Amino acid sequence: MEADSGESALARLEEQPADIILTDMVMPRMSGLQFLETVKKLLPRTEVAVMTGHGSIETAVQAMKLGAYDYITKPFSPLEELRLFLRRMAEKVRLVEENQFLRERTETETELHGIVGASAKIQDVLRMISRLKDTRTPVLITGESGTGKELVARAIHFRGSFANSPFVAVDCGSLVPTLIESELFGYEKGAFTGALKSKPGLFESANGGTIFLDEIGELPPEMQAKLLRVLQEKEVRPVGSNQKVKVDVRIVAATNRDLESAYRNGTFRKDLYFRLNVVTVHLPALRERPTDIPMLVHWFLDRYAPGKPVEVTNSAMKCLLEYEWPGNVRELENCVERAIALGDRQVIDVGDLPPALASALPGGEPAGAAPVFTTTDLEDIERATIQRVFEQVKGDKAMAGKMLGISRATLYRKLKRYNIGTRAAASAVLQ
C-alpha cells in the first residue's frame, strides 16, 4: 500500500491498518514526525520507521521518543540495506504478535477468565470482546444484575490496545444526586462548602483510556443532558469553573434496564441512548445457559479452594442445575464460596448449599431425595461438554481449560477419566 502524502496515508490506514510503515521525514503539509505521532495514536502496535536525507541526531532522538522503530538515512547503499531493515521490522512485528498470543493463552490471572462458558451465547460475547478490544467505538452492555457486565467492560479495555491506559469504573446508581456533577467533571477550589482545593473529575482521570458508566439508566435527567454534551464536545467544565477541559475517553456503559423502553417512556434521553448504543453486547442470564453451570462451579472451586480436589455430589449438582439463579453468576459464586467456607473442603453436598436451592427443586424435595439426574446423566453432560470444547480448540489443552473455566490439572484429570484426546476416543467419534 502506497500514499503520496501523510494525509492520504492516514485516510487509507483508517480503512486498512498496516503492521509496518516506512515514511519520509520531509513531506508536503505534514512532516514525518507529525505523521509518526498521529499513527502511533491511531495504531499503537504498528511499527513506523522514518527515512530522510536530511538526518540529524536531534531529529533521530525525537523520532525515537515518539515511538519510531528506527531511523534510516537516504540514499540506501546498497538497496539491500533497506530490504534487511524492513525484514528486521517484520520480524519484530511477528515476535510481538507471537508473544501477545502466548501471553493471552497462558495468562491465568485476568478478569476475562471470569467470563466462563462454552455455550453459544457466551461464546458470542467473547467474540464481540475480541472485535471491540482495539476500537474506540462506544459500547452498551446490557444484562441482568450479576451477569458480569463489568467483567466484559474490563475485558474490552485490558485485552486490547487500551490496556496500559486508565480504566475508571463509575457506579452511576451509587452516586449521591447532589454530588454527581462534581464527581464526574471535577470542581474548583471554593466551588461549594468543603471544596478546600480543586479536584479533577472521573472523566479527567480516565483521559486517554476508558470510562465505564455502570447502571447508566440510573442517572437523573439533568445529568443525562450534561453527559450528552460531554460526549458531543469531548470536554468537561469543572463545577465552579469557567474553563473547559478537553477529555479523550472511550465510553463503555452498562445497564440492567430496558433503555429503549425508557427513552420511549420519556425517562431516558433518546439522543443519549443513541449516542451510547453504537454497539450492544448482551449478557445472557445464567438460567439461559445452564450447560455452563458445571464449568462455572469448577472455576469457583479452583478460586476458593486452590489445589484441593473438591467434589460436588450428584444431588448438589442437581440443585445447582435446577435453580433459577435470579442473582445470576454472582449468586452462583456466592453459593460456591459459602459451601467451601461451611463445608469440609472435600465434598459439597446438598446440605452445604443455601436452603433456597433445595426448596426450589421440583415438588419441594428435601435434601437427600433421589436426584433427577443420575450419575450417568451428569457424567454424560460433562463428557459431551468437554469433548465439544476439546474438538473446537483442536486439542489445545490450555485453550480448552480457559474456555471451560477449570485449571489445567482438573482438565487433565477429566480428559483421562473420559478418555478424551486419545486415538481410541477419536476413532469412536469418527465411527
Protein backbone atom coordinates (compact mmCIF):
# COMPACT_ATOMS: atom_id res chain seq x y z
CA MET A 1 0.00 0.00 0.00
CA GLU A 2 1.42 3.39 -1.00
CA ALA A 3 0.38 7.01 -0.40
CA ASP A 4 1.70 10.30 -1.75
CA SER A 5 1.17 12.34 1.45
CA GLY A 6 0.69 11.96 5.17
CA GLU A 7 -2.98 12.90 4.95
CA SER A 8 -3.82 10.33 2.28
CA ALA A 9 -1.82 7.68 4.19
CA LEU A 10 -3.83 8.33 7.36
CA ALA A 11 -7.10 8.11 5.43
CA ARG A 12 -6.09 4.74 3.99
CA LEU A 13 -4.84 3.45 7.35
CA GLU A 14 -8.24 4.10 8.94
CA GLU A 15 -9.77 1.72 6.38
CA GLN A 16 -6.87 -0.74 6.14
CA PRO A 17 -4.44 -0.78 9.12
CA ALA A 18 -0.81 -1.78 8.42
CA ASP A 19 1.73 -3.60 10.60
CA ILE A 20 4.78 -1.82 9.12
CA ILE A 21 5.08 1.75 7.82
CA LEU A 22 8.07 3.45 6.16
CA THR A 23 7.65 7.21 5.97
CA ASP A 24 9.77 10.07 4.64
CA MET A 25 10.73 12.86 7.04
CA VAL A 26 10.06 15.68 4.58
CA MET A 27 6.54 15.67 3.10
CA PRO A 28 4.13 18.39 1.94
CA ARG A 29 1.80 19.84 4.62
CA MET A 30 2.67 17.17 7.22
CA SER A 31 6.17 16.25 8.41
CA GLY A 32 7.29 12.71 9.05
CA LEU A 33 7.36 13.38 12.79
CA GLN A 34 3.78 14.69 12.76
CA PHE A 35 2.71 11.66 10.73
CA LEU A 36 4.55 9.33 13.15
CA GLU A 37 2.89 10.86 16.21
CA THR A 38 -0.58 10.59 14.64
CA VAL A 39 -0.07 6.98 13.53
CA LYS A 40 1.11 5.86 16.99
CA LYS A 41 -2.08 7.29 18.50
CA LEU A 42 -4.25 5.67 15.83
CA LEU A 43 -2.41 2.31 15.70
CA PRO A 44 -0.24 1.89 18.82
CA ARG A 45 1.10 -1.53 17.78
CA THR A 46 2.13 -0.53 14.26
CA GLU A 47 5.89 -0.19 13.72
CA VAL A 48 6.92 3.03 11.96
CA ALA A 49 10.39 3.76 10.52
CA VAL A 50 11.43 7.24 9.40
CA MET A 51 13.78 7.83 6.45
CA THR A 52 15.41 11.09 5.42
CA GLY A 53 18.27 12.60 3.54
CA HIS A 54 18.39 15.47 6.00
CA GLY A 55 19.08 13.47 9.13
CA SER A 56 20.46 14.77 12.36
CA ILE A 57 20.96 13.39 15.85
CA GLU A 58 18.25 15.70 17.19
CA THR A 59 15.53 14.51 14.78
CA ALA A 60 16.59 10.89 15.28
CA VAL A 61 16.18 11.21 19.05
CA GLN A 62 12.85 12.99 18.59
CA ALA A 63 11.59 10.26 16.27
CA MET A 64 12.57 7.54 18.75
CA LYS A 65 10.84 9.40 21.59
CA LEU A 66 7.66 9.49 19.52
CA GLY A 67 7.80 5.70 19.17
CA ALA A 68 9.64 5.15 15.88
CA TYR A 69 11.07 1.68 15.32
CA ASP A 70 14.27 3.16 13.87
CA TYR A 71 15.73 5.88 11.69
CA ILE A 72 17.36 5.30 8.31
CA THR A 73 19.13 7.82 6.06
CA LYS A 74 18.96 8.16 2.28
CA PRO A 75 20.40 7.19 -0.11
CA PHE A 76 20.39 3.47 0.72
CA SER A 77 23.68 1.97 -0.32
CA PRO A 78 23.28 -0.76 -1.27
CA LEU A 79 19.49 -1.18 -1.66
CA GLU A 80 19.83 -4.48 0.19
CA GLU A 81 20.33 -2.38 3.32
CA LEU A 82 16.71 -1.23 3.10
CA ARG A 83 15.48 -4.79 2.49
CA LEU A 84 17.29 -6.04 5.61
CA PHE A 85 15.95 -3.09 7.57
CA LEU A 86 12.35 -3.95 6.60
CA ARG A 87 12.92 -7.64 7.33
CA ARG A 88 14.05 -6.76 10.86
CA MET A 89 10.90 -4.68 11.32
CA ALA A 90 8.73 -7.55 10.08
CA GLU A 91 10.50 -9.96 12.45
CA LYS A 92 9.84 -7.66 15.40
CA VAL A 93 6.14 -7.43 14.48
CA ARG A 94 5.96 -11.24 14.23
CA LEU A 95 7.64 -11.73 17.61
CA VAL A 96 5.42 -9.16 19.32
CA GLU A 97 2.28 -10.80 17.92
CA GLU A 98 3.53 -14.26 18.89
CA ASN A 99 4.36 -13.14 22.44
CA GLN A 100 0.97 -11.46 22.72
CA PHE A 101 -0.75 -14.65 21.57
CA LEU A 102 1.21 -16.78 24.04
CA ARG A 103 0.55 -14.30 26.84
CA GLU A 104 -3.19 -14.39 26.17
CA ARG A 105 -3.16 -18.18 26.09
CA THR A 106 -1.13 -18.75 29.25
CA GLU A 107 -2.23 -15.81 31.39
CA THR A 108 -4.32 -17.08 34.30
CA GLU A 109 -4.87 -14.01 36.46
CA THR A 110 -7.09 -11.87 34.26
CA GLU A 111 -10.59 -10.50 34.53
CA LEU A 112 -11.51 -12.07 31.20
CA HIS A 113 -11.16 -15.52 32.72
CA GLY A 114 -14.19 -14.78 34.86
CA ILE A 115 -16.28 -14.96 31.67
CA VAL A 116 -16.53 -18.73 31.64
CA GLY A 117 -18.60 -20.94 29.38
CA ALA A 118 -18.83 -22.92 26.17
CA SER A 119 -22.48 -22.21 25.39
CA ALA A 120 -23.24 -20.46 22.11
CA LYS A 121 -24.50 -17.29 23.85
CA ILE A 122 -21.39 -16.74 25.96
CA GLN A 123 -19.10 -17.57 23.03
CA ASP A 124 -20.88 -14.81 21.07
CA VAL A 125 -19.99 -12.41 23.90
CA LEU A 126 -16.32 -13.47 23.79
CA ARG A 127 -16.25 -12.94 20.02
CA MET A 128 -17.68 -9.43 20.45
CA ILE A 129 -14.98 -8.64 23.04
CA SER A 130 -12.32 -9.72 20.56
CA ARG A 131 -13.76 -7.43 17.88
CA LEU A 132 -14.17 -4.41 20.15
CA LYS A 133 -10.96 -4.50 22.20
CA ASP A 134 -8.94 -2.32 19.80
CA THR A 135 -11.68 0.11 18.78
CA ARG A 136 -12.84 3.45 20.18
CA THR A 137 -16.48 2.61 19.45
CA PRO A 138 -18.94 3.35 22.30
CA VAL A 139 -20.31 0.11 23.74
CA LEU A 140 -23.53 -0.51 25.67
CA ILE A 141 -23.52 -3.70 27.76
CA THR A 142 -26.95 -4.99 28.75
CA GLY A 143 -27.99 -7.79 31.04
CA GLU A 144 -29.48 -8.60 34.42
CA SER A 145 -27.64 -7.85 37.66
CA GLY A 146 -24.92 -10.38 38.38
CA THR A 147 -24.31 -11.46 34.78
CA GLY A 148 -20.81 -9.96 34.68
CA LYS A 149 -21.20 -6.66 32.84
CA GLU A 150 -18.15 -5.08 34.47
CA LEU A 151 -16.07 -8.17 33.61
CA VAL A 152 -16.94 -7.61 29.95
CA ALA A 153 -16.09 -3.90 30.18
CA ARG A 154 -12.70 -4.69 31.75
CA ALA A 155 -12.03 -7.38 29.14
CA ILE A 156 -12.75 -4.95 26.29
CA HIS A 157 -10.30 -2.47 27.84
CA PHE A 158 -7.49 -4.67 29.16
CA ARG A 159 -7.29 -7.16 26.28
CA GLY A 160 -6.63 -4.53 23.61
CA SER A 161 -4.52 -1.50 22.78
CA PHE A 162 -6.01 0.47 25.72
CA ALA A 163 -4.55 -1.95 28.29
CA ASN A 164 -1.89 0.48 29.54
CA SER A 165 -4.34 3.42 29.67
CA PRO A 166 -6.61 4.35 32.60
CA PHE A 167 -9.78 2.36 33.27
CA VAL A 168 -12.23 4.19 35.54
CA ALA A 169 -15.39 2.44 36.71
CA VAL A 170 -18.32 4.60 37.84
CA ASP A 171 -21.40 3.15 39.54
CA CYS A 172 -23.99 5.72 38.48
CA GLY A 173 -26.59 4.21 40.80
CA SER A 174 -24.47 4.80 43.92
CA LEU A 175 -23.56 8.44 43.25
CA VAL A 176 -25.21 10.97 45.55
CA PRO A 177 -27.50 13.08 43.30
CA THR A 178 -26.17 16.41 44.60
CA LEU A 179 -22.56 15.35 44.01
CA ILE A 180 -22.81 13.54 40.67
CA GLU A 181 -21.64 16.51 38.60
CA SER A 182 -18.61 17.25 40.78
CA GLU A 183 -17.67 13.55 40.88
CA LEU A 184 -17.83 13.15 37.11
CA PHE A 185 -16.49 16.52 35.98
CA GLY A 186 -14.44 17.74 38.97
CA TYR A 187 -14.60 21.05 40.81
CA GLU A 188 -12.61 24.19 41.53
CA LYS A 189 -11.45 25.33 44.96
CA GLY A 190 -14.27 27.18 46.70
CA ALA A 191 -16.96 25.90 44.30
CA PHE A 192 -19.05 24.79 47.29
CA THR A 193 -18.76 24.38 51.05
CA GLY A 194 -15.96 21.94 51.78
CA ALA A 195 -14.19 22.38 48.42
CA LEU A 196 -10.87 23.32 50.02
CA LYS A 197 -8.88 22.53 46.88
CA SER A 198 -9.52 21.77 43.22
CA LYS A 199 -10.11 18.16 42.26
CA PRO A 200 -10.24 16.57 38.79
CA GLY A 201 -13.33 14.54 37.94
CA LEU A 202 -13.58 10.91 36.90
CA PHE A 203 -13.68 11.86 33.21
CA GLU A 204 -10.32 13.64 33.52
CA SER A 205 -8.93 10.66 35.45
CA ALA A 206 -9.92 8.41 32.54
CA ASN A 207 -8.39 10.70 29.88
CA GLY A 208 -6.71 8.64 27.17
CA GLY A 209 -8.42 5.45 28.34
CA THR A 210 -11.87 4.06 29.12
CA ILE A 211 -14.61 5.24 31.45
CA PHE A 212 -17.12 2.55 32.42
CA LEU A 213 -20.52 4.00 33.34
CA ASP A 214 -22.28 1.19 35.19
CA GLU A 215 -26.06 1.35 35.57
CA ILE A 216 -26.23 4.36 33.25
CA GLY A 217 -30.03 4.20 33.40
CA GLU A 218 -29.95 5.46 37.00
CA LEU A 219 -28.63 8.92 36.03
CA PRO A 220 -31.17 11.71 36.68
CA PRO A 221 -32.44 13.61 33.59
CA GLU A 222 -30.38 16.77 34.19
CA MET A 223 -27.17 14.73 34.37
CA GLN A 224 -28.13 12.85 31.22
CA ALA A 225 -28.18 16.19 29.38
CA LYS A 226 -24.76 17.19 30.75
CA LEU A 227 -23.27 13.79 29.93
CA LEU A 228 -24.56 14.04 26.36
CA ARG A 229 -22.87 17.42 26.00
CA VAL A 230 -19.57 15.95 27.22
CA LEU A 231 -19.80 13.11 24.73
CA GLN A 232 -20.56 15.50 21.88
CA GLU A 233 -18.00 18.20 22.69
CA LYS A 234 -15.33 15.94 24.25
CA GLU A 235 -14.73 18.41 27.04
CA VAL A 236 -15.86 18.91 30.63
CA ARG A 237 -16.34 22.00 32.75
CA PRO A 238 -15.50 21.51 36.43
CA VAL A 239 -18.05 22.82 38.92
CA GLY A 240 -17.24 26.44 39.78
CA SER A 241 -15.00 26.95 36.73
CA ASN A 242 -15.49 28.96 33.54
CA GLN A 243 -12.80 26.97 31.75
CA LYS A 244 -13.45 23.76 29.82
CA VAL A 245 -11.03 20.83 29.88
CA LYS A 246 -10.55 18.59 26.84
CA VAL A 247 -11.01 14.86 27.50
CA ASP A 248 -10.41 11.93 25.18
CA VAL A 249 -12.10 8.82 26.58
CA ARG A 250 -13.71 5.68 25.21
CA ILE A 251 -17.21 5.19 26.65
CA VAL A 252 -18.44 1.80 27.82
CA ALA A 253 -21.83 1.91 29.55
CA ALA A 254 -23.90 -0.82 31.17
CA THR A 255 -27.47 -1.20 32.33
CA ASN A 256 -29.87 -3.81 33.67
CA ARG A 257 -32.80 -1.71 32.49
CA ASP A 258 -34.53 -1.66 29.10
CA LEU A 259 -33.24 1.72 27.91
CA GLU A 260 -35.23 1.53 24.68
CA SER A 261 -38.47 1.39 26.65
CA ALA A 262 -37.11 4.06 29.00
CA TYR A 263 -36.48 6.57 26.22
CA ARG A 264 -39.88 5.79 24.66
CA ASN A 265 -41.47 6.45 28.08
CA GLY A 266 -39.50 9.68 28.44
CA THR A 267 -37.41 8.58 31.44
CA PHE A 268 -34.16 8.39 29.46
CA ARG A 269 -32.95 10.82 26.81
CA LYS A 270 -33.40 9.47 23.29
CA ASP A 271 -30.34 11.30 21.91
CA LEU A 272 -28.13 9.97 24.74
CA TYR A 273 -29.43 6.44 24.16
CA PHE A 274 -28.41 6.51 20.51
CA ARG A 275 -25.08 8.13 21.36
CA LEU A 276 -24.26 5.26 23.75
CA ASN A 277 -25.90 2.43 21.83
CA VAL A 278 -23.50 2.23 18.88
CA VAL A 279 -22.65 -1.42 19.62
CA THR A 280 -24.62 -3.52 22.10
CA VAL A 281 -23.24 -6.54 23.93
CA HIS A 282 -25.99 -8.51 25.66
CA LEU A 283 -25.08 -10.83 28.51
CA PRO A 284 -27.45 -13.79 28.88
CA ALA A 285 -28.93 -14.68 32.26
CA LEU A 286 -27.45 -17.80 33.86
CA ARG A 287 -30.79 -19.64 33.51
CA GLU A 288 -30.44 -19.16 29.73
CA ARG A 289 -27.15 -21.08 29.66
CA PRO A 290 -27.48 -23.91 32.22
CA THR A 291 -24.88 -26.06 30.45
CA ASP A 292 -22.25 -23.56 31.65
CA ILE A 293 -23.10 -24.11 35.33
CA PRO A 294 -20.76 -27.12 35.86
CA MET A 295 -17.87 -25.14 34.30
CA LEU A 296 -18.57 -22.12 36.48
CA VAL A 297 -18.77 -24.30 39.59
CA HIS A 298 -15.34 -25.81 38.84
CA TRP A 299 -13.96 -22.34 38.12
CA PHE A 300 -15.13 -21.02 41.50
CA LEU A 301 -13.93 -24.16 43.28
CA ASP A 302 -10.45 -23.59 41.85
CA ARG A 303 -10.63 -19.96 43.03
CA TYR A 304 -11.84 -20.57 46.60
CA ALA A 305 -10.17 -23.92 47.24
CA PRO A 306 -7.00 -23.80 45.08
CA GLY A 307 -5.12 -27.06 44.85
CA LYS A 308 -7.87 -29.03 46.62
CA PRO A 309 -9.83 -31.63 44.56
CA VAL A 310 -13.26 -30.69 45.94
CA GLU A 311 -16.02 -32.90 44.55
CA VAL A 312 -19.68 -31.96 44.03
CA THR A 313 -22.22 -34.72 44.65
CA ASN A 314 -24.81 -35.50 42.02
CA SER A 315 -27.61 -34.33 44.30
CA ALA A 316 -25.86 -30.99 44.84
CA MET A 317 -25.22 -30.57 41.13
CA LYS A 318 -28.87 -31.35 40.50
CA CYS A 319 -29.84 -28.48 42.82
CA LEU A 320 -27.47 -26.13 41.03
CA LEU A 321 -28.82 -27.09 37.61
CA GLU A 322 -32.50 -26.84 38.61
CA TYR A 323 -32.28 -23.49 40.42
CA GLU A 324 -33.39 -20.35 38.53
CA TRP A 325 -30.45 -18.14 39.72
CA PRO A 326 -32.16 -14.74 39.95
CA GLY A 327 -28.80 -13.30 41.02
CA ASN A 328 -27.05 -14.98 38.08
CA VAL A 329 -23.30 -15.74 38.12
CA ARG A 330 -22.69 -13.53 41.16
CA GLU A 331 -25.20 -15.58 43.16
CA LEU A 332 -23.60 -18.84 41.98
CA GLU A 333 -20.18 -17.57 43.05
CA ASN A 334 -21.52 -16.66 46.50
CA CYS A 335 -23.13 -20.09 46.74
CA VAL A 336 -19.86 -21.91 45.99
CA GLU A 337 -17.87 -19.64 48.34
CA ARG A 338 -20.40 -20.36 51.12
CA ALA A 339 -20.21 -24.10 50.51
CA ILE A 340 -16.40 -24.02 50.73
CA ALA A 341 -16.45 -21.91 53.89
CA LEU A 342 -19.03 -24.08 55.71
CA GLY A 343 -18.10 -27.50 54.33
CA ASP A 344 -15.20 -29.89 54.82
CA ARG A 345 -13.38 -28.73 51.62
CA GLN A 346 -13.58 -32.27 50.24
CA VAL A 347 -17.17 -32.84 49.13
CA ILE A 348 -20.01 -30.39 48.52
CA ASP A 349 -23.43 -31.92 49.14
CA VAL A 350 -26.96 -30.52 49.23
CA GLY A 351 -26.60 -29.69 52.91
CA ASP A 352 -23.74 -27.30 52.09
CA LEU A 353 -25.93 -25.23 49.76
CA PRO A 354 -28.28 -22.40 50.76
CA PRO A 355 -31.76 -23.73 51.77
CA ALA A 356 -33.38 -21.85 48.87
CA LEU A 357 -31.71 -24.18 46.35
CA ALA A 358 -33.03 -27.42 47.85
CA SER A 359 -36.52 -25.97 48.35
CA ALA A 360 -36.60 -24.87 44.71
CA LEU A 361 -36.38 -28.46 43.46
CA PRO A 362 -39.47 -29.93 41.72
CA GLY A 363 -42.03 -30.96 44.30
CA GLY A 364 -40.05 -29.29 47.08
CA GLU A 365 -37.88 -32.36 47.51
CA PRO A 366 -35.93 -32.42 50.77
CA ALA A 367 -32.17 -32.77 50.79
CA GLY A 368 -31.04 -36.29 50.04
CA ALA A 369 -34.02 -37.13 47.80
CA ALA A 370 -33.36 -39.19 44.69
CA PRO A 371 -31.82 -36.96 42.04
CA VAL A 372 -33.48 -36.29 38.72
CA PHE A 373 -30.05 -36.54 37.10
CA THR A 374 -28.35 -39.88 37.67
CA THR A 375 -24.57 -40.21 37.93
CA THR A 376 -24.51 -41.39 34.33
CA ASP A 377 -26.59 -38.42 33.17
CA LEU A 378 -24.27 -35.88 34.80
CA GLU A 379 -21.15 -37.64 33.54
CA ASP A 380 -22.60 -37.71 30.03
CA ILE A 381 -23.29 -33.96 30.18
CA GLU A 382 -19.77 -33.25 31.42
CA ARG A 383 -18.14 -35.64 28.94
CA ALA A 384 -20.07 -34.20 25.98
CA THR A 385 -19.26 -30.62 27.01
CA ILE A 386 -15.52 -31.29 27.42
CA GLN A 387 -15.42 -33.30 24.19
CA ARG A 388 -17.13 -30.49 22.26
CA VAL A 389 -14.77 -27.81 23.59
CA PHE A 390 -11.70 -30.03 23.08
CA GLU A 391 -12.63 -30.57 19.43
CA GLN A 392 -13.45 -26.87 18.99
CA VAL A 393 -9.91 -25.84 20.03
CA LYS A 394 -8.36 -28.72 18.05
CA GLY A 395 -6.83 -30.41 21.07
CA ASP A 396 -5.22 -27.31 22.61
CA LYS A 397 -5.38 -28.15 26.32
CA ALA A 398 -4.51 -24.65 27.52
CA MET A 399 -7.30 -23.10 25.44
CA ALA A 400 -9.75 -25.86 26.42
CA GLY A 401 -9.10 -25.23 30.11
CA LYS A 402 -9.55 -21.49 29.57
CA MET A 403 -12.90 -21.94 27.79
CA LEU A 404 -14.14 -24.47 30.35
CA GLY A 405 -13.02 -22.31 33.25
CA ILE A 406 -11.07 -25.06 35.01
CA SER A 407 -7.42 -25.45 35.95
CA ARG A 408 -5.07 -27.46 33.76
CA ALA A 409 -4.77 -30.14 36.46
CA THR A 410 -8.56 -30.53 36.62
CA LEU A 411 -8.77 -30.66 32.83
CA TYR A 412 -6.10 -33.39 32.60
CA ARG A 413 -7.94 -35.41 35.24
CA LYS A 414 -11.22 -35.11 33.31
CA LEU A 415 -9.58 -35.96 29.96
CA LYS A 416 -8.07 -39.10 31.45
CA ARG A 417 -11.33 -40.07 33.15
CA TYR A 418 -13.39 -39.72 29.97
CA ASN A 419 -10.67 -40.97 27.63
CA ILE A 420 -10.79 -37.74 25.59
CA GLY A 421 -7.92 -36.81 23.30
CA THR A 422 -6.72 -40.36 22.71
CA ARG A 423 -6.75 -42.24 19.44
CA ALA A 424 -9.40 -44.53 20.79
CA ALA A 425 -11.66 -41.61 21.59
CA ALA A 426 -11.01 -40.06 18.19
CA SER A 427 -11.88 -43.27 16.35
CA ALA A 428 -15.02 -43.64 18.43
CA VAL A 429 -16.11 -40.16 17.37
CA LEU A 430 -15.43 -40.95 13.71
CA GLN A 431 -17.50 -44.12 13.87
